[in-house]
Amino acid sequence: MRRNGALIRGLQWFIVVVYAVLILVPVFLPLPDETAHIWSNMTLIAQFAFWGIWWPFVLVSMVLMGRVWCGVLCPEGALTEYVSKHGIGRAIPKWMRWGGWPFVAFALTTVYGQMVSVYQYPKAVLLVLGGSTVGAMIVGYLYGREKRVWCRYLCPVNGVFGLLSKLAPFHYKVNEDAWRSSYHSEHKIIPVNCAPLVPLRNMKGASDCHMCGRCSGHRDAIELTWRPPTQEIVTFGKTNNSLWESSLVLYGLLGIAIGAFHWSASPWFIQIKQAIATWLIDRDIMWPFGTQAPWWLLTNYPQQSDVFTWLDGALVVGYIMATALVLGTGVSLAFAIGNRMLGKWEWSRFNHLVQALIPLAGCGVFVGLSATTITLLRGEHWPVDWANDVRGALLSIMTLWSVLLAWRVVNRYAGSLLHRIAVMLPLLAGLALVNYAWLLMFWLW
């Protein structure tokens, strides 16, 4: 990869062109009608490409290969680094280094995407994805020099990608002894431009590394190696953790994301809406039923018979937040009980335990996005009877992976076998609660 950097950069620009076509062209076309097909209508092609294939399998790539997508294929990464090369190179401000941005950016993007129906409409895609790309270019122009400052601190999916890449079986390993020995080498050391600003000497794991290959062989101390998929969480997770990472898992992936997938299929949402609407009508309060909100604030496409009232928008946000509060807090309590059973309360140990949830949390986002894939395929009359079987198998496998990780993490703190088993009981309850949420969406509703 290091020797073929020019080829990789060419591939990056090809992806940039494809990305631009998929985002821009559908905006200028009429919305598809009931006769349109995903193989002949550009809007449906873009919709299927982004939400049916692109994003679900980018998540899969993180688990299989680490953040190769970020370092080699991501159009935003390529653009922000290119603009940074020709920008004004200011120092990165302190506010931008705040550790909570990955959680906040993910939460805001997810909720806003539901308000404007980003999975369905080209203008919403342009606003959400295109807006993110413009933001990446502005940050690149202002800060750093040939760096990916946006990717490191502000990208809405940076935190998610960092979590999932902890599971990857490959990473660039740093040999600290070889690094120290290189100080006495007679050979000239050629500096490496690590665009995502990873401190190479102290790099452990794959969470921050973009797998671009530029540092491979640097100081004869860095090489791409295989590792057990449990290593980063079980071994490094004791110290390489943070409360913000735990918040992203508990209230982001297992809360806000599930709420965003849930509300459109939930009979509870309809019942709540009907009850509130009846209450408002009985009191002659009619303004919440107004449909004058612009499309960039709330979904407003009368020609598609798809218009959100103010009440709809408030309920969507409220349902997502309530789901996040219930699921996130429920799983947090379960893991807090497990943490307390291991001894005096320690935040580091709690964060370590929560990292065991990453396989199931990541799988949940994948199967949630797959709902769009299946909907589009069903619209083309393709057989999709297999979908729930595949979802069930994936959720089962990832749950077992999370159980394995939890068991190994608990083993690092607990003494006797009975103590370990006792600690696992509340953790299993937390995993069961997450699976119940998916059981509702795909099997009970």
Protein backbone atom coordinates (compact mmCIF):
# COMPACT_ATOMS: atom_id res chain seq x y z
CA MET A 1 0.00 0.00 0.00
CA ARG A 2 2.85 2.37 0.75
CA ARG A 3 4.56 1.65 -2.57
CA ASN A 4 1.33 2.06 -4.53
CA GLY A 5 0.17 5.29 -2.95
CA ALA A 6 -0.49 6.93 -6.33
CA LEU A 7 -2.82 4.11 -7.34
CA ILE A 8 -4.70 4.39 -4.04
CA ARG A 9 -5.11 8.15 -4.49
CA GLY A 10 -6.47 7.52 -7.99
CA LEU A 11 -8.98 5.09 -6.53
CA GLN A 12 -9.97 7.67 -3.93
CA TRP A 13 -10.74 10.24 -6.61
CA PHE A 14 -12.77 7.68 -8.56
CA ILE A 15 -14.88 7.09 -5.43
CA VAL A 16 -15.24 10.88 -5.03
CA VAL A 17 -16.68 11.11 -8.55
CA VAL A 18 -19.10 8.21 -7.96
CA TYR A 19 -20.15 9.73 -4.65
CA ALA A 20 -20.77 13.12 -6.25
CA VAL A 21 -22.87 11.59 -9.03
CA LEU A 22 -25.00 9.61 -6.57
CA ILE A 23 -25.60 12.67 -4.39
CA LEU A 24 -26.08 15.37 -7.01
CA VAL A 25 -27.78 13.83 -10.05
CA PRO A 26 -30.97 12.56 -8.29
CA VAL A 27 -31.65 16.06 -6.92
CA PHE A 28 -32.35 17.31 -10.46
CA LEU A 29 -34.60 14.39 -11.41
CA PRO A 30 -38.31 13.92 -10.65
CA LEU A 31 -39.09 11.67 -7.70
CA PRO A 32 -39.71 8.07 -8.79
CA ASP A 33 -43.27 6.86 -9.23
CA GLU A 34 -44.67 3.36 -8.73
CA THR A 35 -43.37 2.22 -12.14
CA ALA A 36 -39.72 3.05 -11.37
CA HIS A 37 -37.14 0.27 -10.81
CA ILE A 38 -33.80 0.18 -9.03
CA TRP A 39 -32.03 -0.87 -12.23
CA SER A 40 -33.44 1.94 -14.41
CA ASN A 41 -34.20 4.93 -12.15
CA MET A 42 -31.20 6.99 -11.01
CA THR A 43 -32.88 8.09 -7.78
CA LEU A 44 -33.61 4.50 -6.75
CA ILE A 45 -30.15 3.44 -7.88
CA ALA A 46 -28.62 6.06 -5.57
CA GLN A 47 -30.97 5.15 -2.73
CA PHE A 48 -30.15 1.45 -3.02
CA ALA A 49 -26.43 2.17 -3.41
CA PHE A 50 -26.19 4.41 -0.32
CA TRP A 51 -28.58 2.76 2.14
CA GLY A 52 -28.90 -0.75 0.73
CA ILE A 53 -25.25 -1.55 0.02
CA TRP A 54 -22.80 1.26 0.75
CA TRP A 55 -23.33 2.05 4.43
CA PRO A 56 -24.29 -1.45 5.67
CA PHE A 57 -21.21 -3.03 4.14
CA VAL A 58 -18.89 -0.21 5.18
CA LEU A 59 -19.83 -1.28 8.72
CA VAL A 60 -19.00 -4.88 7.86
CA SER A 61 -15.64 -3.81 6.44
CA MET A 62 -14.71 -2.23 9.79
CA VAL A 63 -15.11 -5.57 11.54
CA LEU A 64 -13.27 -7.53 8.84
CA MET A 65 -10.42 -5.19 7.89
CA GLY A 66 -10.37 -2.26 10.28
CA ARG A 67 -10.71 1.27 8.96
CA VAL A 68 -9.50 0.54 5.43
CA TRP A 69 -12.59 2.35 4.18
CA CYS A 70 -11.48 5.51 5.98
CA GLY A 71 -7.89 5.41 4.78
CA VAL A 72 -8.37 4.16 1.22
CA LEU A 73 -11.90 4.71 -0.04
CA CYS A 74 -13.77 7.40 1.93
CA PRO A 75 -14.52 10.43 -0.30
CA GLU A 76 -14.75 12.81 2.66
CA GLY A 77 -11.36 11.71 3.92
CA ALA A 78 -9.76 12.19 0.51
CA LEU A 79 -11.34 15.62 0.05
CA THR A 80 -10.54 16.98 3.51
CA GLU A 81 -6.91 15.85 3.24
CA TYR A 82 -6.53 17.35 -0.25
CA VAL A 83 -8.05 20.68 0.81
CA SER A 84 -5.91 20.66 3.95
CA LYS A 85 -2.82 20.39 1.75
CA HIS A 86 -3.76 23.69 0.12
CA GLY A 87 -5.39 25.31 3.16
CA ILE A 88 -4.22 27.91 5.64
CA GLY A 89 -2.98 25.39 8.20
CA ARG A 90 -4.24 26.83 11.45
CA ALA A 91 -3.66 25.02 14.73
CA ILE A 92 -6.48 22.69 15.79
CA PRO A 93 -8.58 24.57 18.36
CA LYS A 94 -9.08 23.13 21.82
CA TRP A 95 -12.89 22.92 21.46
CA MET A 96 -12.51 20.63 18.48
CA ARG A 97 -10.52 18.11 20.53
CA TRP A 98 -13.43 17.58 22.93
CA GLY A 99 -14.01 13.85 23.37
CA GLY A 100 -17.79 14.09 23.14
CA TRP A 101 -18.03 15.08 19.48
CA PRO A 102 -18.27 11.51 18.11
CA PHE A 103 -21.36 10.89 20.26
CA VAL A 104 -22.96 14.29 19.69
CA ALA A 105 -22.34 14.27 15.92
CA PHE A 106 -23.74 10.74 15.57
CA ALA A 107 -26.82 11.58 17.64
CA LEU A 108 -27.64 14.82 15.84
CA THR A 109 -27.08 13.35 12.38
CA THR A 110 -29.21 10.29 13.13
CA VAL A 111 -32.14 12.25 14.56
CA TYR A 112 -32.03 14.94 11.89
CA GLY A 113 -31.87 12.28 9.17
CA GLN A 114 -35.14 10.84 10.44
CA MET A 115 -36.81 14.25 10.51
CA VAL A 116 -36.04 14.87 6.82
CA SER A 117 -36.41 11.19 5.72
CA VAL A 118 -32.82 10.87 4.52
CA TYR A 119 -33.31 7.25 3.45
CA GLN A 120 -36.05 8.19 0.98
CA TYR A 121 -35.38 11.57 -0.64
CA PRO A 122 -32.43 12.93 -2.70
CA LYS A 123 -32.59 16.47 -1.32
CA ALA A 124 -32.32 15.11 2.20
CA VAL A 125 -29.33 12.99 1.17
CA LEU A 126 -27.66 16.04 -0.36
CA LEU A 127 -28.32 18.03 2.80
CA VAL A 128 -27.09 15.40 5.28
CA LEU A 129 -24.27 13.66 3.40
CA GLY A 130 -23.37 16.60 1.21
CA GLY A 131 -23.44 18.93 4.20
CA SER A 132 -21.06 16.62 6.03
CA THR A 133 -18.72 16.64 3.03
CA VAL A 134 -18.75 20.44 2.80
CA GLY A 135 -18.03 20.60 6.53
CA ALA A 136 -15.09 18.23 6.07
CA MET A 137 -13.66 20.43 3.32
CA ILE A 138 -14.06 23.63 5.34
CA VAL A 139 -12.34 22.09 8.35
CA GLY A 140 -9.62 20.75 6.06
CA TYR A 141 -9.03 24.19 4.60
CA LEU A 142 -8.84 25.87 7.99
CA TYR A 143 -6.89 23.39 10.11
CA GLY A 144 -3.88 21.14 9.83
CA ARG A 145 -1.54 20.58 6.92
CA GLU A 146 -2.26 17.48 4.82
CA LYS A 147 -4.24 16.12 7.77
CA ARG A 148 -7.69 14.66 8.25
CA VAL A 149 -8.75 16.83 11.16
CA TRP A 150 -12.46 16.35 10.35
CA CYS A 151 -12.07 12.57 10.34
CA ARG A 152 -10.21 12.59 13.63
CA TYR A 153 -12.58 14.81 15.62
CA LEU A 154 -15.88 15.73 13.92
CA CYS A 155 -16.95 13.02 11.46
CA PRO A 156 -20.42 11.78 12.55
CA VAL A 157 -19.43 8.12 12.12
CA ASN A 158 -15.85 8.36 13.38
CA GLY A 159 -16.83 7.04 16.80
CA VAL A 160 -18.83 4.15 15.36
CA PHE A 161 -16.02 3.16 13.01
CA GLY A 162 -13.52 3.36 15.86
CA LEU A 163 -15.63 1.03 17.99
CA LEU A 164 -16.18 -1.56 15.26
CA SER A 165 -12.54 -1.60 14.21
CA LYS A 166 -11.65 -2.83 17.70
CA LEU A 167 -13.00 -6.18 16.50
CA ALA A 168 -10.88 -6.37 13.33
CA PRO A 169 -8.46 -9.31 13.03
CA PHE A 170 -5.80 -7.12 11.37
CA HIS A 171 -3.93 -4.08 12.63
CA TYR A 172 -0.65 -2.25 12.27
CA LYS A 173 1.41 -3.32 15.24
CA VAL A 174 4.16 -1.13 16.69
CA ASN A 175 7.28 -2.88 17.98
CA GLU A 176 8.40 -0.48 20.71
CA ASP A 177 11.82 -2.12 21.07
CA ALA A 178 12.51 -1.74 17.35
CA TRP A 179 11.32 1.86 17.52
CA ARG A 180 13.77 2.68 20.31
CA SER A 181 16.57 0.91 18.45
CA SER A 182 15.91 3.04 15.38
CA TYR A 183 17.22 6.10 17.27
CA HIS A 184 20.70 4.63 16.95
CA SER A 185 20.36 3.67 13.30
CA GLU A 186 22.76 5.14 10.76
CA HIS A 187 20.01 5.19 8.12
CA LYS A 188 18.04 8.37 7.54
CA ILE A 189 14.53 8.18 8.97
CA ILE A 190 11.94 9.43 6.47
CA PRO A 191 9.01 11.10 8.28
CA VAL A 192 5.52 9.67 7.80
CA ASN A 193 2.46 11.82 7.25
CA CYS A 194 -0.16 10.17 9.44
CA ALA A 195 -3.22 12.02 8.15
CA PRO A 196 -5.58 10.98 11.00
CA LEU A 197 -3.10 12.29 13.57
CA VAL A 198 -2.37 9.00 15.32
CA PRO A 199 0.70 9.07 17.62
CA LEU A 200 2.45 6.19 15.87
CA ARG A 201 4.99 5.36 18.55
CA ASN A 202 2.27 4.74 21.14
CA MET A 203 -0.36 3.30 18.80
CA LYS A 204 -2.13 0.28 20.23
CA GLY A 205 -5.05 -1.37 18.52
CA ALA A 206 -6.89 -0.34 15.37
CA SER A 207 -9.48 2.09 16.68
CA ASP A 208 -7.81 5.30 15.47
CA CYS A 209 -5.69 3.88 12.61
CA HIS A 210 -7.09 4.41 9.09
CA MET A 211 -5.14 1.45 7.69
CA CYS A 212 -3.74 3.53 4.84
CA GLY A 213 -0.42 1.70 4.93
CA ARG A 214 1.76 4.82 4.83
CA CYS A 215 3.54 3.92 8.06
CA SER A 216 4.14 0.28 7.15
CA GLY A 217 7.80 -0.53 7.82
CA HIS A 218 8.46 2.87 9.39
CA ARG A 219 11.63 2.66 11.51
CA ASP A 220 11.41 -1.10 10.89
CA ALA A 221 8.96 -1.04 13.79
CA ILE A 222 5.46 -1.06 12.22
CA GLU A 223 3.93 -3.96 10.33
CA LEU A 224 0.51 -5.28 9.37
CA THR A 225 -0.19 -8.32 11.53
CA TRP A 226 -2.94 -10.74 12.46
CA ARG A 227 -4.41 -10.70 15.96
CA PRO A 228 -7.27 -12.48 17.76
CA PRO A 229 -10.51 -10.51 17.19
CA THR A 230 -10.97 -10.30 20.97
CA GLN A 231 -7.55 -8.85 21.76
CA GLU A 232 -8.13 -5.12 21.58
CA ILE A 233 -11.23 -5.15 23.77
CA VAL A 234 -10.07 -7.73 26.30
CA THR A 235 -6.41 -6.69 26.57
CA PHE A 236 -6.27 -2.99 25.70
CA GLY A 237 -9.82 -2.12 26.72
CA LYS A 238 -8.85 -1.93 30.39
CA THR A 239 -6.99 1.32 29.76
CA ASN A 240 -8.06 2.36 26.25
CA ASN A 241 -11.61 3.34 27.08
CA SER A 242 -13.65 6.40 27.90
CA LEU A 243 -17.08 7.31 29.20
CA TRP A 244 -17.87 8.96 25.85
CA GLU A 245 -17.20 5.67 24.05
CA SER A 246 -19.53 3.91 26.47
CA SER A 247 -22.17 6.60 25.89
CA LEU A 248 -21.91 6.07 22.15
CA VAL A 249 -22.47 2.34 22.60
CA LEU A 250 -25.24 2.56 25.20
CA TYR A 251 -27.19 5.65 24.18
CA GLY A 252 -26.04 5.96 20.57
CA LEU A 253 -25.93 2.56 18.88
CA LEU A 254 -28.22 0.79 21.37
CA GLY A 255 -30.51 3.77 21.96
CA ILE A 256 -30.83 6.49 19.35
CA ALA A 257 -30.07 4.19 16.41
CA ILE A 258 -32.62 1.57 17.49
CA GLY A 259 -35.20 4.30 18.09
CA ALA A 260 -34.57 5.68 14.60
CA PHE A 261 -35.18 2.25 13.08
CA HIS A 262 -38.11 1.46 15.37
CA TRP A 263 -40.51 4.36 15.11
CA SER A 264 -41.75 3.77 11.55
CA ALA A 265 -42.65 0.15 12.36
CA SER A 266 -43.94 0.68 15.90
CA PRO A 267 -47.65 0.30 16.67
CA TRP A 268 -46.89 2.13 19.93
CA PHE A 269 -45.90 5.20 17.91
CA ILE A 270 -49.27 5.15 16.12
CA GLN A 271 -51.19 4.67 19.35
CA ILE A 272 -49.38 7.55 21.05
CA LYS A 273 -49.92 9.77 18.02
CA GLN A 274 -53.64 9.01 17.91
CA ALA A 275 -54.05 9.63 21.62
CA ILE A 276 -52.24 12.98 21.50
CA ALA A 277 -54.07 14.02 18.32
CA THR A 278 -57.43 13.24 19.93
CA TRP A 279 -56.47 15.22 23.03
CA LEU A 280 -55.44 18.22 20.92
CA ILE A 281 -58.57 18.13 18.74
CA ASP A 282 -60.84 17.89 21.78
CA ARG A 283 -59.27 21.13 23.01
CA ASP A 284 -59.32 22.81 19.60
CA ILE A 285 -55.53 23.06 19.48
CA MET A 286 -54.88 22.75 15.75
CA TRP A 287 -51.49 24.33 15.08
CA PRO A 288 -49.55 21.08 15.71
CA PHE A 289 -51.27 19.65 12.61
CA GLY A 290 -49.77 22.31 10.36
CA THR A 291 -47.76 21.15 7.33
CA GLN A 292 -45.96 24.38 6.50
CA ALA A 293 -42.52 23.23 7.69
CA PRO A 294 -39.91 23.32 4.87
CA TRP A 295 -38.51 20.01 3.59
CA TRP A 296 -35.11 20.74 5.16
CA LEU A 297 -36.69 20.87 8.62
CA LEU A 298 -39.41 18.22 8.37
CA THR A 299 -40.31 15.83 5.56
CA ASN A 300 -42.57 17.72 3.14
CA TYR A 301 -43.29 16.05 -0.20
CA PRO A 302 -47.01 16.49 -0.99
CA GLN A 303 -46.63 14.91 -4.45
CA GLN A 304 -45.56 11.69 -2.70
CA SER A 305 -48.28 12.04 -0.03
CA ASP A 306 -45.49 12.21 2.52
CA VAL A 307 -45.76 15.28 4.74
CA PHE A 308 -44.81 15.62 8.41
CA THR A 309 -46.88 17.84 10.65
CA TRP A 310 -45.31 19.60 13.60
CA LEU A 311 -46.83 16.86 15.73
CA ASP A 312 -45.19 14.17 13.59
CA GLY A 313 -41.79 15.79 13.92
CA ALA A 314 -42.09 16.20 17.68
CA LEU A 315 -43.23 12.60 18.11
CA VAL A 316 -40.42 11.20 15.95
CA VAL A 317 -37.82 13.03 18.02
CA GLY A 318 -39.61 12.16 21.26
CA TYR A 319 -39.91 8.47 20.36
CA ILE A 320 -36.23 8.23 19.44
CA MET A 321 -35.16 9.99 22.64
CA ALA A 322 -37.50 7.87 24.79
CA THR A 323 -36.17 4.68 23.20
CA ALA A 324 -32.61 5.84 23.84
CA LEU A 325 -33.44 6.66 27.45
CA VAL A 326 -35.17 3.33 28.14
CA LEU A 327 -32.76 1.02 26.32
CA GLY A 328 -29.59 2.93 27.12
CA THR A 329 -30.43 3.27 30.80
CA GLY A 330 -31.69 -0.30 31.07
CA VAL A 331 -28.49 -1.78 29.62
CA SER A 332 -26.38 0.70 31.61
CA LEU A 333 -28.00 -0.44 34.86
CA ALA A 334 -27.40 -4.08 34.00
CA PHE A 335 -23.71 -3.46 33.35
CA ALA A 336 -23.44 -1.15 36.36
CA ILE A 337 -24.70 -4.01 38.56
CA GLY A 338 -22.08 -6.30 37.03
CA ASN A 339 -19.39 -3.68 37.64
CA ARG A 340 -20.42 -3.25 41.28
CA MET A 341 -20.42 -7.01 41.81
CA LEU A 342 -16.74 -7.00 40.85
CA GLY A 343 -15.88 -4.71 43.78
CA LYS A 344 -15.69 -1.01 44.50
CA TRP A 345 -17.11 1.12 41.68
CA GLU A 346 -14.58 1.92 38.95
CA TRP A 347 -15.50 3.86 35.80
CA SER A 348 -12.63 2.33 33.89
CA ARG A 349 -13.91 -1.19 34.66
CA PHE A 350 -17.47 -0.19 33.72
CA ASN A 351 -16.25 1.19 30.37
CA HIS A 352 -14.26 -1.99 29.84
CA LEU A 353 -17.35 -4.14 30.40
CA VAL A 354 -19.45 -1.99 28.06
CA GLN A 355 -17.01 -2.61 25.21
CA ALA A 356 -18.23 -6.21 25.19
CA LEU A 357 -21.47 -4.86 23.70
CA ILE A 358 -19.78 -3.64 20.51
CA PRO A 359 -20.45 -6.74 18.34
CA LEU A 360 -24.18 -6.72 19.10
CA ALA A 361 -24.42 -2.93 18.85
CA GLY A 362 -22.73 -2.89 15.45
CA CYS A 363 -24.85 -5.78 14.21
CA GLY A 364 -27.98 -3.88 15.26
CA VAL A 365 -27.09 -0.93 13.04
CA PHE A 366 -26.40 -3.33 10.16
CA VAL A 367 -29.73 -5.17 10.45
CA GLY A 368 -31.52 -1.85 10.93
CA LEU A 369 -30.08 -0.49 7.70
CA SER A 370 -30.93 -3.79 6.03
CA ALA A 371 -34.60 -2.90 6.46
CA THR A 372 -34.15 -0.33 3.68
CA THR A 373 -32.39 -2.93 1.53
CA ILE A 374 -35.21 -5.43 1.99
CA THR A 375 -37.90 -2.80 1.40
CA LEU A 376 -36.35 -1.87 -1.94
CA LEU A 377 -35.96 -5.50 -2.98
CA ARG A 378 -39.53 -6.26 -1.93
CA GLY A 379 -40.70 -3.36 -4.08
CA GLU A 380 -39.08 -5.09 -7.05
CA HIS A 381 -40.93 -8.31 -6.14
CA TRP A 382 -37.71 -10.12 -5.28
CA PRO A 383 -38.13 -12.99 -2.83
CA VAL A 384 -37.06 -11.80 0.64
CA ASP A 385 -38.50 -14.52 2.83
CA TRP A 386 -34.95 -15.33 3.90
CA ALA A 387 -34.35 -11.89 5.44
CA ASN A 388 -35.53 -12.59 8.99
CA ASP A 389 -33.65 -15.88 9.11
CA VAL A 390 -30.43 -14.08 8.19
CA ARG A 391 -31.14 -11.32 10.70
CA GLY A 392 -31.81 -13.87 13.42
CA ALA A 393 -28.59 -15.71 12.64
CA LEU A 394 -26.53 -12.51 12.64
CA LEU A 395 -28.00 -11.26 15.91
CA SER A 396 -27.45 -14.67 17.51
CA ILE A 397 -23.82 -14.88 16.39
CA MET A 398 -23.03 -11.33 17.48
CA THR A 399 -24.76 -11.89 20.82
CA LEU A 400 -22.54 -14.92 21.41
CA TRP A 401 -19.50 -12.84 20.46
CA SER A 402 -20.55 -10.21 23.00
CA VAL A 403 -21.05 -12.95 25.62
CA LEU A 404 -17.55 -14.27 24.90
CA LEU A 405 -16.04 -10.80 25.22
CA ALA A 406 -17.97 -10.14 28.44
CA TRP A 407 -16.80 -13.44 29.92
CA ARG A 408 -13.17 -12.73 29.10
CA VAL A 409 -13.35 -9.18 30.44
CA VAL A 410 -14.99 -10.43 33.65
CA ASN A 411 -12.22 -13.02 33.98
CA ARG A 412 -9.70 -10.19 34.27
CA TYR A 413 -11.43 -8.89 37.40
CA ALA A 414 -13.27 -11.79 39.07
CA GLY A 415 -11.71 -14.54 41.13
CA SER A 416 -13.66 -17.76 41.47
CA LEU A 417 -15.77 -19.41 38.77
CA LEU A 418 -18.97 -18.84 40.77
CA HIS A 419 -18.13 -15.14 41.08
CA ARG A 420 -17.66 -14.88 37.31
CA ILE A 421 -20.94 -16.63 36.60
CA ALA A 422 -22.78 -14.38 39.06
CA VAL A 423 -21.37 -11.25 37.42
CA MET A 424 -22.39 -12.52 33.98
CA LEU A 425 -26.08 -12.76 34.94
CA PRO A 426 -26.86 -9.00 34.83
CA LEU A 427 -24.70 -8.65 31.71
CA LEU A 428 -26.75 -11.34 29.98
CA ALA A 429 -29.91 -9.50 31.04
CA GLY A 430 -28.61 -6.37 29.30
CA LEU A 431 -27.90 -8.33 26.10
CA ALA A 432 -31.38 -9.87 26.30
CA LEU A 433 -32.96 -6.40 26.50
CA VAL A 434 -31.20 -5.33 23.29
CA ASN A 435 -32.31 -8.48 21.49
CA TYR A 436 -35.88 -7.94 22.67
CA ALA A 437 -35.89 -4.58 20.89
CA TRP A 438 -35.00 -6.31 17.60
CA LEU A 439 -37.48 -9.11 18.32
CA LEU A 440 -40.21 -6.49 18.48
CA MET A 441 -39.24 -4.82 15.21
CA PHE A 442 -38.70 -7.85 12.99
CA TRP A 443 -40.79 -10.62 14.52
CA LEU A 444 -43.55 -9.33 16.83
CA TRP A 445 -44.66 -6.16 15.06
